[in-house]
PDB file of N, CA and C in Angstrom:
ATOM      1  N   ARG A   1     -42.060  58.791  53.925  1.00  0.00           N
ATOM      2  CA  ARG A   1     -42.088  57.449  54.087  1.00  0.00           C
ATOM      3  C   ARG A   1     -43.204  56.707  53.517  1.00  0.00           C
ATOM      4  N   PHE A   2     -42.926  55.253  53.408  1.00  0.00           N
ATOM      5  CA  PHE A   2     -44.064  54.283  52.769  1.00  0.00           C
ATOM      6  C   PHE A   2     -44.698  53.890  54.045  1.00  0.00           C
ATOM      7  N   SER A   3     -45.930  53.211  53.692  1.00  0.00           N
ATOM      8  CA  SER A   3     -46.781  52.531  54.550  1.00  0.00           C
ATOM      9  C   SER A   3     -45.930  51.293  55.239  1.00  0.00           C
ATOM     10  N   GLY A   4     -46.469  50.881  56.346  1.00  0.00           N
ATOM     11  CA  GLY A   4     -45.801  49.600  56.978  1.00  0.00           C
ATOM     12  C   GLY A   4     -46.090  48.350  56.396  1.00  0.00           C
ATOM     13  N   THR A   5     -46.728  48.420  55.126  1.00  0.00           N
ATOM     14  CA  THR A   5     -46.790  47.161  54.383  1.00  0.00           C
ATOM     15  C   THR A   5     -45.656  46.978  53.270  1.00  0.00           C
ATOM     16  N   PHE A   6     -44.891  47.812  53.247  1.00  0.00           N
ATOM     17  CA  PHE A   6     -43.754  47.909  52.060  1.00  0.00           C
ATOM     18  C   PHE A   6     -42.715  46.660  52.785  1.00  0.00           C
ATOM     19  N   VAL A   7     -42.333  45.751  51.989  1.00  0.00           N
ATOM     20  CA  VAL A   7     -41.293  44.783  52.482  1.00  0.00           C
ATOM     21  C   VAL A   7     -39.851  45.302  52.869  1.00  0.00           C
ATOM     22  N   GLY A   8     -39.448  46.329  52.223  1.00  0.00           N
ATOM     23  CA  GLY A   8     -38.325  46.847  52.583  1.00  0.00           C
ATOM     24  C   GLY A   8     -38.353  47.868  53.739  1.00  0.00           C
ATOM     25  N   ASN A   9     -39.374  48.128  54.238  1.00  0.00           N
ATOM     26  CA  ASN A   9     -39.467  49.036  55.472  1.00  0.00           C
ATOM     27  C   ASN A   9     -38.587  48.632  56.585  1.00  0.00           C
ATOM     28  N   ALA A  10     -38.134  49.720  57.066  1.00  0.00           N
ATOM     29  CA  ALA A  10     -37.045  49.432  58.126  1.00  0.00           C
ATOM     30  C   ALA A  10     -37.813  49.213  59.417  1.00  0.00           C
ATOM     31  N   GLU A  11     -39.129  49.161  59.476  1.00  0.00           N
ATOM     32  CA  GLU A  11     -40.000  48.780  60.845  1.00  0.00           C
ATOM     33  C   GLU A  11     -40.240  47.465  60.723  1.00  0.00           C
ATOM     34  N   SER A  12     -39.937  46.702  59.648  1.00  0.00           N
ATOM     35  CA  SER A  12     -40.401  45.563  59.376  1.00  0.00           C
ATOM     36  C   SER A  12     -39.442  44.443  60.414  1.00  0.00           C
ATOM     37  N   THR A  13     -40.176  43.483  61.248  1.00  0.00           N
ATOM     38  CA  THR A  13     -39.283  42.642  61.866  1.00  0.00           C
ATOM     39  C   THR A  13     -38.874  41.475  61.149  1.00  0.00           C
ATOM     40  N   SER A  14     -39.424  41.118  59.947  1.00  0.00           N
ATOM     41  CA  SER A  14     -39.061  40.087  59.238  1.00  0.00           C
ATOM     42  C   SER A  14     -37.895  40.208  58.235  1.00  0.00           C
ATOM     43  N   PRO A  15     -37.104  39.309  57.797  1.00  0.00           N
ATOM     44  CA  PRO A  15     -35.833  39.464  57.058  1.00  0.00           C
ATOM     45  C   PRO A  15     -36.363  39.804  55.655  1.00  0.00           C
ATOM     46  N   PRO A  16     -35.718  40.885  54.849  1.00  0.00           N
ATOM     47  CA  PRO A  16     -36.024  41.197  53.562  1.00  0.00           C
ATOM     48  C   PRO A  16     -36.018  39.548  52.873  1.00  0.00           C
ATOM     49  N   PRO A  17     -36.505  39.454  51.565  1.00  0.00           N
ATOM     50  CA  PRO A  17     -36.638  38.442  50.912  1.00  0.00           C
ATOM     51  C   PRO A  17     -35.256  37.817  50.359  1.00  0.00           C
ATOM     52  N   ALA A  18     -34.428  38.915  50.298  1.00  0.00           N
ATOM     53  CA  ALA A  18     -32.780  38.586  49.562  1.00  0.00           C
ATOM     54  C   ALA A  18     -32.171  37.877  50.673  1.00  0.00           C
ATOM     55  N   ALA A  19     -32.588  37.508  52.029  1.00  0.00           N
ATOM     56  CA  ALA A  19     -31.922  36.892  52.952  1.00  0.00           C
ATOM     57  C   ALA A  19     -32.040  35.453  52.516  1.00  0.00           C
ATOM     58  N   THR A  20     -32.837  35.000  51.919  1.00  0.00           N
ATOM     59  CA  THR A  20     -32.923  33.431  51.287  1.00  0.00           C
ATOM     60  C   THR A  20     -31.782  33.160  50.445  1.00  0.00           C
ATOM     61  N   SER A  21     -31.497  32.076  50.255  1.00  0.00           N
ATOM     62  CA  SER A  21     -30.317  31.634  49.439  1.00  0.00           C
ATOM     63  C   SER A  21     -30.946  31.563  47.924  1.00  0.00           C
ATOM     64  N   PRO A  22     -30.227  32.386  47.096  1.00  0.00           N
ATOM     65  CA  PRO A  22     -30.663  32.702  45.569  1.00  0.00           C
ATOM     66  C   PRO A  22     -30.975  31.134  44.916  1.00  0.00           C
ATOM     67  N   PRO A  23     -29.821  30.363  45.017  1.00  0.00           N
ATOM     68  CA  PRO A  23     -29.861  29.084  44.250  1.00  0.00           C
ATOM     69  C   PRO A  23     -31.150  28.384  44.581  1.00  0.00           C
ATOM     70  N   SER A  24     -31.570  28.270  46.019  1.00  0.00           N
ATOM     71  CA  SER A  24     -32.756  27.389  46.245  1.00  0.00           C
ATOM     72  C   SER A  24     -33.846  28.202  45.753  1.00  0.00           C
ATOM     73  N   VAL A  25     -34.085  29.431  45.773  1.00  0.00           N
ATOM     74  CA  VAL A  25     -35.126  30.420  45.302  1.00  0.00           C
ATOM     75  C   VAL A  25     -35.285  30.101  43.819  1.00  0.00           C
ATOM     76  N   ALA A  26     -34.053  30.229  43.141  1.00  0.00           N
ATOM     77  CA  ALA A  26     -34.276  30.027  41.714  1.00  0.00           C
ATOM     78  C   ALA A  26     -34.446  28.564  41.074  1.00  0.00           C
ATOM     79  N   ALA A  27     -33.912  27.474  42.099  1.00  0.00           N
ATOM     80  CA  ALA A  27     -34.258  26.324  41.597  1.00  0.00           C
ATOM     81  C   ALA A  27     -35.614  25.837  41.807  1.00  0.00           C
ATOM     82  N   ALA A  28     -36.323  26.666  43.017  1.00  0.00           N
ATOM     83  CA  ALA A  28     -37.554  26.258  43.234  1.00  0.00           C
ATOM     84  C   ALA A  28     -38.772  26.812  42.489  1.00  0.00           C
ATOM     85  N   THR A  29     -38.412  27.935  41.890  1.00  0.00           N
ATOM     86  CA  THR A  29     -39.366  28.916  41.086  1.00  0.00           C
ATOM     87  C   THR A  29     -39.177  28.618  39.764  1.00  0.00           C
ATOM     88  N   LEU A  30     -37.837  28.290  39.086  1.00  0.00           N
ATOM     89  CA  LEU A  30     -37.859  28.288  37.664  1.00  0.00           C
ATOM     90  C   LEU A  30     -38.362  26.869  37.073  1.00  0.00           C
ATOM     91  N   PRO A  31     -39.091  26.972  35.921  1.00  0.00           N
ATOM     92  CA  PRO A  31     -39.477  25.580  35.307  1.00  0.00           C
ATOM     93  C   PRO A  31     -38.144  24.961  34.769  1.00  0.00           C
ATOM     94  N   ALA A  32     -38.242  23.652  34.842  1.00  0.00           N
ATOM     95  CA  ALA A  32     -37.123  22.641  34.289  1.00  0.00           C
ATOM     96  C   ALA A  32     -36.814  22.943  32.982  1.00  0.00           C
ATOM     97  N   VAL A  33     -35.508  23.396  32.631  1.00  0.00           N
ATOM     98  CA  VAL A  33     -35.161  23.511  31.108  1.00  0.00           C
ATOM     99  C   VAL A  33     -34.609  22.371  30.561  1.00  0.00           C
ATOM    100  N   PRO A  34     -35.149  21.691  29.599  1.00  0.00           N
ATOM    101  CA  PRO A  34     -34.675  20.724  28.880  1.00  0.00           C
ATOM    102  C   PRO A  34     -33.192  20.926  28.140  1.00  0.00           C
ATOM    103  N   THR A  35     -32.543  19.790  28.272  1.00  0.00           N
ATOM    104  CA  THR A  35     -31.115  20.011  27.802  1.00  0.00           C
ATOM    105  C   THR A  35     -30.945  19.340  26.418  1.00  0.00           C
ATOM    106  N   ILE A  36     -30.006  19.829  25.660  1.00  0.00           N
ATOM    107  CA  ILE A  36     -29.675  19.108  24.354  1.00  0.00           C
ATOM    108  C   ILE A  36     -28.355  18.601  24.598  1.00  0.00           C
ATOM    109  N   PRO A  37     -28.241  17.194  24.335  1.00  0.00           N
ATOM    110  CA  PRO A  37     -27.017  16.490  24.547  1.00  0.00           C
ATOM    111  C   PRO A  37     -26.115  16.804  23.312  1.00  0.00           C
ATOM    112  N   VAL A  38     -24.784  17.269  23.856  1.00  0.00           N
ATOM    113  CA  VAL A  38     -23.763  17.807  23.027  1.00  0.00           C
ATOM    114  C   VAL A  38     -22.931  16.588  22.731  1.00  0.00           C
ATOM    115  N   VAL A  39     -22.455  16.163  21.564  1.00  0.00           N
ATOM    116  CA  VAL A  39     -21.564  15.231  21.051  1.00  0.00           C
ATOM    117  C   VAL A  39     -20.454  15.942  20.508  1.00  0.00           C
ATOM    118  N   PRO A  40     -19.349  15.910  21.294  1.00  0.00           N
ATOM    119  CA  PRO A  40     -17.950  16.568  20.969  1.00  0.00           C
ATOM    120  C   PRO A  40     -17.313  16.120  19.620  1.00  0.00           C
ATOM    121  N   THR A  41     -16.905  17.069  18.787  1.00  0.00           N
ATOM    122  CA  THR A  41     -16.373  16.608  17.628  1.00  0.00           C
ATOM    123  C   THR A  41     -14.939  17.262  17.522  1.00  0.00           C
ATOM    124  N   ILE A  42     -14.133  16.499  16.472  1.00  0.00           N
ATOM    125  CA  ILE A  42     -13.010  17.348  16.301  1.00  0.00           C
ATOM    126  C   ILE A  42     -12.922  17.421  14.933  1.00  0.00           C
ATOM    127  N   VAL A  43     -12.592  18.700  14.497  1.00  0.00           N
ATOM    128  CA  VAL A  43     -12.590  18.837  12.949  1.00  0.00           C
ATOM    129  C   VAL A  43     -11.781  18.129  12.253  1.00  0.00           C
ATOM    130  N   GLY A  44     -12.212  17.560  11.091  1.00  0.00           N
ATOM    131  CA  GLY A  44     -11.820  16.751  10.232  1.00  0.00           C
ATOM    132  C   GLY A  44     -11.910  15.159  10.644  1.00  0.00           C
ATOM    133  N   VAL A  45     -12.630  14.820  11.849  1.00  0.00           N
ATOM    134  CA  VAL A  45     -12.711  13.388  12.116  1.00  0.00           C
ATOM    135  C   VAL A  45     -14.261  13.318  11.959  1.00  0.00           C
ATOM    136  N   PRO A  46     -14.800  12.207  11.237  1.00  0.00           N
ATOM    137  CA  PRO A  46     -16.018  12.142  10.961  1.00  0.00           C
ATOM    138  C   PRO A  46     -16.801  11.798  12.225  1.00  0.00           C
ATOM    139  N   ASN A  47     -18.141  12.086  12.474  1.00  0.00           N
ATOM    140  CA  ASN A  47     -18.937  11.769  13.676  1.00  0.00           C
ATOM    141  C   ASN A  47     -19.439  10.553  13.396  1.00  0.00           C
ATOM    142  N   THR A  48     -18.804   9.359  14.237  1.00  0.00           N
ATOM    143  CA  THR A  48     -19.239   8.181  14.036  1.00  0.00           C
ATOM    144  C   THR A  48     -20.605   7.800  14.561  1.00  0.00           C
ATOM    145  N   VAL A  49     -21.083   8.718  15.433  1.00  0.00           N
ATOM    146  CA  VAL A  49     -22.380   8.512  16.021  1.00  0.00           C
ATOM    147  C   VAL A  49     -23.576   8.756  14.919  1.00  0.00           C
ATOM    148  N   ALA A  50     -23.466   9.876  14.102  1.00  0.00           N
ATOM    149  CA  ALA A  50     -24.294  10.265  13.154  1.00  0.00           C
ATOM    150  C   ALA A  50     -24.081   9.589  11.753  1.00  0.00           C
ATOM    151  N   GLU A  51     -22.909   9.549  11.633  1.00  0.00           N
ATOM    152  CA  GLU A  51     -22.430   8.997  10.257  1.00  0.00           C
ATOM    153  C   GLU A  51     -22.231   7.505  10.020  1.00  0.00           C
ATOM    154  N   GLY A  52     -22.165   6.846  11.024  1.00  0.00           N
ATOM    155  CA  GLY A  52     -21.672   5.454  11.144  1.00  0.00           C
ATOM    156  C   GLY A  52     -22.802   4.458  10.297  1.00  0.00           C
ATOM    157  N   VAL A  53     -23.968   4.936  10.274  1.00  0.00           N
ATOM    158  CA  VAL A  53     -25.044   4.213   9.464  1.00  0.00           C
ATOM    159  C   VAL A  53     -24.876   4.325   7.810  1.00  0.00           C
ATOM    160  N   LEU A  54     -24.345   5.365   7.540  1.00  0.00           N
ATOM    161  CA  LEU A  54     -24.169   5.854   5.975  1.00  0.00           C
ATOM    162  C   LEU A  54     -22.814   5.336   5.311  1.00  0.00           C
ATOM    163  N   ASN A  55     -23.018   4.383   4.644  1.00  0.00           N
ATOM    164  CA  ASN A  55     -21.701   3.990   3.760  1.00  0.00           C
ATOM    165  C   ASN A  55     -21.921   4.249   2.366  1.00  0.00           C
ATOM    166  N   PRO A  56     -21.223   5.282   1.946  1.00  0.00           N
ATOM    167  CA  PRO A  56     -21.501   5.797   0.358  1.00  0.00           C
ATOM    168  C   PRO A  56     -21.405   4.598  -0.591  1.00  0.00           C
ATOM    169  N   ASN A  57     -20.582   3.909  -0.336  1.00  0.00           N
ATOM    170  CA  ASN A  57     -20.467   2.790  -1.169  1.00  0.00           C
ATOM    171  C   ASN A  57     -21.594   1.736  -1.396  1.00  0.00           C
ATOM    172  N   GLU A  58     -22.584   1.831  -0.327  1.00  0.00           N
ATOM    173  CA  GLU A  58     -23.727   0.924  -0.258  1.00  0.00           C
ATOM    174  C   GLU A  58     -24.899   1.585  -0.716  1.00  0.00           C
ATOM    175  N   VAL A  59     -24.928   2.875  -0.962  1.00  0.00           N
ATOM    176  CA  VAL A  59     -26.168   3.519  -1.342  1.00  0.00           C
ATOM    177  C   VAL A  59     -26.309   3.679  -2.984  1.00  0.00           C
ATOM    178  N   LYS A  60     -27.562   3.990  -3.407  1.00  0.00           N
ATOM    179  CA  LYS A  60     -27.932   4.158  -4.707  1.00  0.00           C
ATOM    180  C   LYS A  60     -28.269   5.534  -4.944  1.00  0.00           C
ATOM    181  N   PRO A  61     -27.678   6.164  -6.076  1.00  0.00           N
ATOM    182  CA  PRO A  61     -28.187   7.605  -6.434  1.00  0.00           C
ATOM    183  C   PRO A  61     -29.839   7.679  -6.634  1.00  0.00           C
ATOM    184  N   PRO A  62     -30.375   8.753  -6.017  1.00  0.00           N
ATOM    185  CA  PRO A  62     -31.942   9.034  -6.161  1.00  0.00           C
ATOM    186  C   PRO A  62     -32.060   8.922  -7.751  1.00  0.00           C
ATOM    187  N   ALA A  63     -33.480   8.572  -7.993  1.00  0.00           N
ATOM    188  CA  ALA A  63     -33.901   8.608  -9.395  1.00  0.00           C
ATOM    189  C   ALA A  63     -33.767   9.979  -9.979  1.00  0.00           C
ATOM    190  N   SER A  64     -34.058  10.964  -9.277  1.00  0.00           N
ATOM    191  CA  SER A  64     -33.818  12.293  -9.808  1.00  0.00           C
ATOM    192  C   SER A  64     -33.061  13.153  -8.711  1.00  0.00           C
ATOM    193  N   GLY A  65     -32.595  14.165  -9.196  1.00  0.00           N
ATOM    194  CA  GLY A  65     -31.870  15.124  -7.993  1.00  0.00           C
ATOM    195  C   GLY A  65     -30.396  14.787  -8.170  1.00  0.00           C
ATOM    196  N   THR A  66     -29.728  14.083  -9.064  1.00  0.00           N
ATOM    197  CA  THR A  66     -28.363  14.119  -9.365  1.00  0.00           C
ATOM    198  C   THR A  66     -28.056  15.480  -9.958  1.00  0.00           C
ATOM    199  N   ARG A  67     -26.793  15.932  -9.846  1.00  0.00           N
ATOM    200  CA  ARG A  67     -26.271  17.294 -10.417  1.00  0.00           C
ATOM    201  C   ARG A  67     -25.040  17.127 -10.743  1.00  0.00           C
ATOM    202  N   LYS A  68     -24.504  17.679 -11.669  1.00  0.00           N
ATOM    203  CA  LYS A  68     -22.997  17.914 -11.967  1.00  0.00           C
ATOM    204  C   LYS A  68     -22.285  18.979 -11.286  1.00  0.00           C
ATOM    205  N   ALA A  69     -20.993  18.696 -11.004  1.00  0.00           N
ATOM    206  CA  ALA A  69     -20.368  19.835  -9.973  1.00  0.00           C
ATOM    207  C   ALA A  69     -18.965  19.699 -10.536  1.00  0.00           C
ATOM    208  N   ARG A  70     -18.369  20.928 -10.575  1.00  0.00           N
ATOM    209  CA  ARG A  70     -17.150  21.369 -10.936  1.00  0.00           C
ATOM    210  C   ARG A  70     -16.119  21.427  -9.487  1.00  0.00           C
ATOM    211  N   VAL A  71     -15.021  20.470  -9.427  1.00  0.00           N
ATOM    212  CA  VAL A  71     -14.090  20.440  -8.490  1.00  0.00           C
ATOM    213  C   VAL A  71     -13.427  21.836  -8.275  1.00  0.00           C
ATOM    214  N   LEU A  72     -13.530  22.514  -7.169  1.00  0.00           N
ATOM    215  CA  LEU A  72     -12.681  23.597  -7.091  1.00  0.00           C
ATOM    216  C   LEU A  72     -11.214  23.815  -6.640  1.00  0.00           C
ATOM    217  N   TYR A  73     -10.828  22.566  -5.690  1.00  0.00           N
ATOM    218  CA  TYR A  73      -9.726  22.394  -5.161  1.00  0.00           C
ATOM    219  C   TYR A  73      -9.516  21.087  -4.993  1.00  0.00           C
ATOM    220  N   ASP A  74      -8.265  20.795  -5.045  1.00  0.00           N
ATOM    221  CA  ASP A  74      -7.789  19.136  -4.432  1.00  0.00           C
ATOM    222  C   ASP A  74      -8.396  19.020  -3.215  1.00  0.00           C
ATOM    223  N   TYR A  75      -8.832  17.723  -3.116  1.00  0.00           N
ATOM    224  CA  TYR A  75      -9.336  17.267  -1.741  1.00  0.00           C
ATOM    225  C   TYR A  75      -8.850  15.948  -1.533  1.00  0.00           C
ATOM    226  N   GLU A  76      -8.050  15.486  -0.235  1.00  0.00           N
ATOM    227  CA  GLU A  76      -7.342  14.186  -0.086  1.00  0.00           C
ATOM    228  C   GLU A  76      -8.376  13.739   0.893  1.00  0.00           C
ATOM    229  N   ALA A  77      -8.999  12.488   0.581  1.00  0.00           N
ATOM    230  CA  ALA A  77     -10.160  11.674   1.360  1.00  0.00           C
ATOM    231  C   ALA A  77      -9.487  11.381   2.639  1.00  0.00           C
ATOM    232  N   ALA A  78     -10.264  11.669   3.756  1.00  0.00           N
ATOM    233  CA  ALA A  78      -9.796  11.278   5.125  1.00  0.00           C
ATOM    234  C   ALA A  78      -9.869   9.682   5.403  1.00  0.00           C
ATOM    235  N   ASP A  79     -10.842   9.221   4.800  1.00  0.00           N
ATOM    236  CA  ASP A  79     -11.058   7.764   5.039  1.00  0.00           C
ATOM    237  C   ASP A  79     -11.789   7.084   3.754  1.00  0.00           C
ATOM    238  N   SER A  80     -12.070   5.900   3.825  1.00  0.00           N
ATOM    239  CA  SER A  80     -12.646   4.999   2.795  1.00  0.00           C
ATOM    240  C   SER A  80     -14.202   5.496   2.255  1.00  0.00           C
ATOM    241  N   THR A  81     -14.828   6.315   3.388  1.00  0.00           N
ATOM    242  CA  THR A  81     -16.205   6.759   2.971  1.00  0.00           C
ATOM    243  C   THR A  81     -16.138   8.056   2.109  1.00  0.00           C
ATOM    244  N   GLU A  82     -15.064   8.718   1.979  1.00  0.00           N
ATOM    245  CA  GLU A  82     -14.905   9.826   1.327  1.00  0.00           C
ATOM    246  C   GLU A  82     -14.235   9.722  -0.166  1.00  0.00           C
ATOM    247  N   LEU A  83     -14.409  10.527  -1.067  1.00  0.00           N
ATOM    248  CA  LEU A  83     -13.969  10.552  -2.569  1.00  0.00           C
ATOM    249  C   LEU A  83     -12.824  11.709  -2.508  1.00  0.00           C
ATOM    250  N   ALA A  84     -11.528  11.268  -2.994  1.00  0.00           N
ATOM    251  CA  ALA A  84     -10.566  12.175  -3.138  1.00  0.00           C
ATOM    252  C   ALA A  84     -10.854  13.070  -4.589  1.00  0.00           C
ATOM    253  N   LEU A  85     -10.788  14.165  -4.437  1.00  0.00           N
ATOM    254  CA  LEU A  85     -11.000  15.060  -5.583  1.00  0.00           C
ATOM    255  C   LEU A  85      -9.607  15.592  -6.055  1.00  0.00           C
ATOM    256  N   LEU A  86      -9.805  16.134  -7.446  1.00  0.00           N
ATOM    257  CA  LEU A  86      -8.765  16.916  -8.142  1.00  0.00           C
ATOM    258  C   LEU A  86      -9.449  18.152  -8.805  1.00  0.00           C
ATOM    259  N   ALA A  87      -8.868  19.321  -8.671  1.00  0.00           N
ATOM    260  CA  ALA A  87      -9.255  20.516  -9.085  1.00  0.00           C
ATOM    261  C   ALA A  87      -9.469  20.500 -10.522  1.00  0.00           C
ATOM    262  N   ASP A  88     -10.802  21.046 -10.922  1.00  0.00           N
ATOM    263  CA  ASP A  88     -11.345  21.191 -12.120  1.00  0.00           C
ATOM    264  C   ASP A  88     -11.932  20.028 -12.731  1.00  0.00           C
ATOM    265  N   GLU A  89     -11.900  18.937 -11.967  1.00  0.00           N
ATOM    266  CA  GLU A  89     -12.846  17.682 -12.631  1.00  0.00           C
ATOM    267  C   GLU A  89     -14.290  17.665 -12.452  1.00  0.00           C
ATOM    268  N   MET A  90     -14.879  17.076 -13.063  1.00  0.00           N
ATOM    269  CA  MET A  90     -16.229  17.237 -13.019  1.00  0.00           C
ATOM    270  C   MET A  90     -16.724  15.848 -12.339  1.00  0.00           C
ATOM    271  N   ILE A  91     -17.775  15.903 -11.647  1.00  0.00           N
ATOM    272  CA  ILE A  91     -18.392  14.758 -11.019  1.00  0.00           C
ATOM    273  C   ILE A  91     -19.880  14.892 -10.726  1.00  0.00           C
ATOM    274  N   THR A  92     -20.664  13.883 -10.395  1.00  0.00           N
ATOM    275  CA  THR A  92     -21.821  13.770 -10.243  1.00  0.00           C
ATOM    276  C   THR A  92     -22.253  13.805  -8.794  1.00  0.00           C
ATOM    277  N   VAL A  93     -22.907  14.509  -8.154  1.00  0.00           N
ATOM    278  CA  VAL A  93     -23.376  14.611  -6.911  1.00  0.00           C
ATOM    279  C   VAL A  93     -24.715  14.499  -6.668  1.00  0.00           C
ATOM    280  N   TYR A  94     -25.101  14.099  -5.342  1.00  0.00           N
ATOM    281  CA  TYR A  94     -26.614  14.094  -4.873  1.00  0.00           C
ATOM    282  C   TYR A  94     -26.304  14.001  -3.342  1.00  0.00           C
ATOM    283  N   SER A  95     -27.528  14.367  -2.654  1.00  0.00           N
ATOM    284  CA  SER A  95     -27.585  14.415  -1.504  1.00  0.00           C
ATOM    285  C   SER A  95     -28.806  13.245  -0.717  1.00  0.00           C
ATOM    286  N   LEU A  96     -28.367  12.578   0.294  1.00  0.00           N
ATOM    287  CA  LEU A  96     -29.344  11.595   0.955  1.00  0.00           C
ATOM    288  C   LEU A  96     -30.016  12.084   2.098  1.00  0.00           C
ATOM    289  N   PRO A  97     -31.202  11.662   2.307  1.00  0.00           N
ATOM    290  CA  PRO A  97     -31.962  12.056   3.569  1.00  0.00           C
ATOM    291  C   PRO A  97     -31.290  11.906   4.907  1.00  0.00           C
ATOM    292  N   GLY A  98     -31.165  12.831   5.767  1.00  0.00           N
ATOM    293  CA  GLY A  98     -30.587  12.692   6.905  1.00  0.00           C
ATOM    294  C   GLY A  98     -29.067  12.763   6.868  1.00  0.00           C
ATOM    295  N   MET A  99     -28.521  13.246   5.793  1.00  0.00           N
ATOM    296  CA  MET A  99     -26.942  13.394   5.633  1.00  0.00           C
ATOM    297  C   MET A  99     -26.617  14.824   6.060  1.00  0.00           C
ATOM    298  N   ASP A 100     -25.461  15.131   6.640  1.00  0.00           N
ATOM    299  CA  ASP A 100     -24.999  16.272   6.882  1.00  0.00           C
ATOM    300  C   ASP A 100     -24.896  17.154   5.762  1.00  0.00           C
ATOM    301  N   PRO A 101     -25.592  18.356   5.761  1.00  0.00           N
ATOM    302  CA  PRO A 101     -25.776  19.376   4.622  1.00  0.00           C
ATOM    303  C   PRO A 101     -24.353  20.070   4.146  1.00  0.00           C
ATOM    304  N   ASP A 102     -23.410  19.726   4.828  1.00  0.00           N
ATOM    305  CA  ASP A 102     -22.034  20.326   4.430  1.00  0.00           C
ATOM    306  C   ASP A 102     -21.473  19.243   3.464  1.00  0.00           C
ATOM    307  N   TRP A 103     -22.089  18.193   3.365  1.00  0.00           N
ATOM    308  CA  TRP A 103     -21.273  16.976   2.453  1.00  0.00           C
ATOM    309  C   TRP A 103     -22.483  16.551   1.384  1.00  0.00           C
ATOM    310  N   LEU A 104     -21.950  16.083   0.287  1.00  0.00           N
ATOM    311  CA  LEU A 104     -22.769  15.226  -0.811  1.00  0.00           C
ATOM    312  C   LEU A 104     -22.047  13.926  -1.242  1.00  0.00           C
ATOM    313  N   ILE A 105     -22.845  13.057  -1.754  1.00  0.00           N
ATOM    314  CA  ILE A 105     -22.115  11.816  -2.112  1.00  0.00           C
ATOM    315  C   ILE A 105     -21.778  12.369  -3.521  1.00  0.00           C
ATOM    316  N   GLY A 106     -20.522  12.020  -3.979  1.00  0.00           N
ATOM    317  CA  GLY A 106     -19.834  12.389  -5.318  1.00  0.00           C
ATOM    318  C   GLY A 106     -19.691  11.010  -5.962  1.00  0.00           C
ATOM    319  N   GLU A 107     -19.828  10.985  -7.425  1.00  0.00           N
ATOM    320  CA  GLU A 107     -19.493   9.812  -8.002  1.00  0.00           C
ATOM    321  C   GLU A 107     -18.525  10.234  -9.136  1.00  0.00           C
ATOM    322  N   ARG A 108     -17.695   9.376  -9.496  1.00  0.00           N
ATOM    323  CA  ARG A 108     -16.605   9.593 -10.620  1.00  0.00           C
ATOM    324  C   ARG A 108     -16.495   8.316 -11.314  1.00  0.00           C
ATOM    325  N   GLY A 109     -17.108   7.835 -12.339  1.00  0.00           N
ATOM    326  CA  GLY A 109     -17.101   6.358 -12.982  1.00  0.00           C
ATOM    327  C   GLY A 109     -17.560   5.661 -11.862  1.00  0.00           C
ATOM    328  N   ASN A 110     -16.887   4.433 -11.429  1.00  0.00           N
ATOM    329  CA  ASN A 110     -17.327   3.525 -10.514  1.00  0.00           C
ATOM    330  C   ASN A 110     -16.994   3.952  -8.916  1.00  0.00           C
ATOM    331  N   GLN A 111     -16.331   5.174  -9.092  1.00  0.00           N
ATOM    332  CA  GLN A 111     -15.951   5.327  -7.344  1.00  0.00           C
ATOM    333  C   GLN A 111     -16.909   6.401  -6.914  1.00  0.00           C
ATOM    334  N   LYS A 112     -17.203   6.224  -5.722  1.00  0.00           N
ATOM    335  CA  LYS A 112     -18.340   6.759  -4.919  1.00  0.00           C
ATOM    336  C   LYS A 112     -17.923   7.078  -3.511  1.00  0.00           C
ATOM    337  N   GLY A 113     -18.027   8.354  -3.013  1.00  0.00           N
ATOM    338  CA  GLY A 113     -17.851   8.743  -1.444  1.00  0.00           C
ATOM    339  C   GLY A 113     -18.457  10.164  -1.311  1.00  0.00           C
ATOM    340  N   LYS A 114     -18.321  10.392  -0.176  1.00  0.00           N
ATOM    341  CA  LYS A 114     -18.658  11.610   0.445  1.00  0.00           C
ATOM    342  C   LYS A 114     -17.621  12.863   0.054  1.00  0.00           C
ATOM    343  N   VAL A 115     -18.303  14.162  -0.482  1.00  0.00           N
ATOM    344  CA  VAL A 115     -17.530  15.126  -0.732  1.00  0.00           C
ATOM    345  C   VAL A 115     -17.946  16.324  -0.030  1.00  0.00           C
ATOM    346  N   PRO A 116     -16.901  17.259   0.447  1.00  0.00           N
ATOM    347  CA  PRO A 116     -17.468  18.515   1.008  1.00  0.00           C
ATOM    348  C   PRO A 116     -17.896  19.438  -0.067  1.00  0.00           C
ATOM    349  N   VAL A 117     -19.111  20.103   0.380  1.00  0.00           N
ATOM    350  CA  VAL A 117     -19.829  21.021  -0.713  1.00  0.00           C
ATOM    351  C   VAL A 117     -18.790  22.116  -0.873  1.00  0.00           C
ATOM    352  N   THR A 118     -18.232  22.936   0.068  1.00  0.00           N
ATOM    353  CA  THR A 118     -17.369  23.970  -0.138  1.00  0.00           C
ATOM    354  C   THR A 118     -16.372  23.686  -1.085  1.00  0.00           C
ATOM    355  N   TYR A 119     -15.899  22.472  -1.600  1.00  0.00           N
ATOM    356  CA  TYR A 119     -15.025  22.230  -2.545  1.00  0.00           C
ATOM    357  C   TYR A 119     -15.556  22.337  -4.048  1.00  0.00           C
ATOM    358  N   LEU A 120     -16.874  22.503  -4.108  1.00  0.00           N
ATOM    359  CA  LEU A 120     -17.513  22.189  -5.229  1.00  0.00           C
ATOM    360  C   LEU A 120     -18.275  23.485  -5.911  1.00  0.00           C
ATOM    361  N   GLU A 121     -18.341  23.624  -7.163  1.00  0.00           N
ATOM    362  CA  GLU A 121     -18.954  24.569  -7.860  1.00  0.00           C
ATOM    363  C   GLU A 121     -20.188  23.869  -8.350  1.00  0.00           C
ATOM    364  N   LEU A 122     -21.405  23.879  -7.828  1.00  0.00           N
ATOM    365  CA  LEU A 122     -22.650  22.916  -8.441  1.00  0.00           C
ATOM    366  C   LEU A 122     -23.273  23.712  -9.681  1.00  0.00           C
ATOM    367  N   LEU A 123     -23.369  22.698 -10.472  1.00  0.00           N
ATOM    368  CA  LEU A 123     -23.808  23.127 -11.709  1.00  0.00           C
ATOM    369  C   LEU A 123     -25.189  22.726 -12.201  1.00  0.00           C
ATOM    370  N   SER A 124     -26.137  23.497 -13.055  1.00  0.00           N
ATOM    371  CA  SER A 124     -27.561  23.129 -13.313  1.00  0.00           C
ATOM    372  C   SER A 124     -27.604  21.735 -14.147  1.00  0.00           C
TER     373      SER A 124
END
């Protein structure tokens, strides 16, 4: 047997610590954890909260950092901010600060819009 100071000792008259409510113990002893807001998205629908500020037709290409890209697959633009693509065509692409890394701005002649990176082969 252990000495009388052991908390789980049968000779003890006080209830064991487990008799208290676990949620109140956990809430009282754990530090507050910051939460990250979650914005629900639907595949194929642009996130208007994050992308509402960016209108590809109003942006200018950076002085440097444009690249040529070959389009791998046909792509139908979902809205007026996107550029429709045809397989095997060549376009100029660039990124903008704060833009989703899965998208680039693509230019073909005087047409401009967002294009998905996965549909492109980036050339040097």
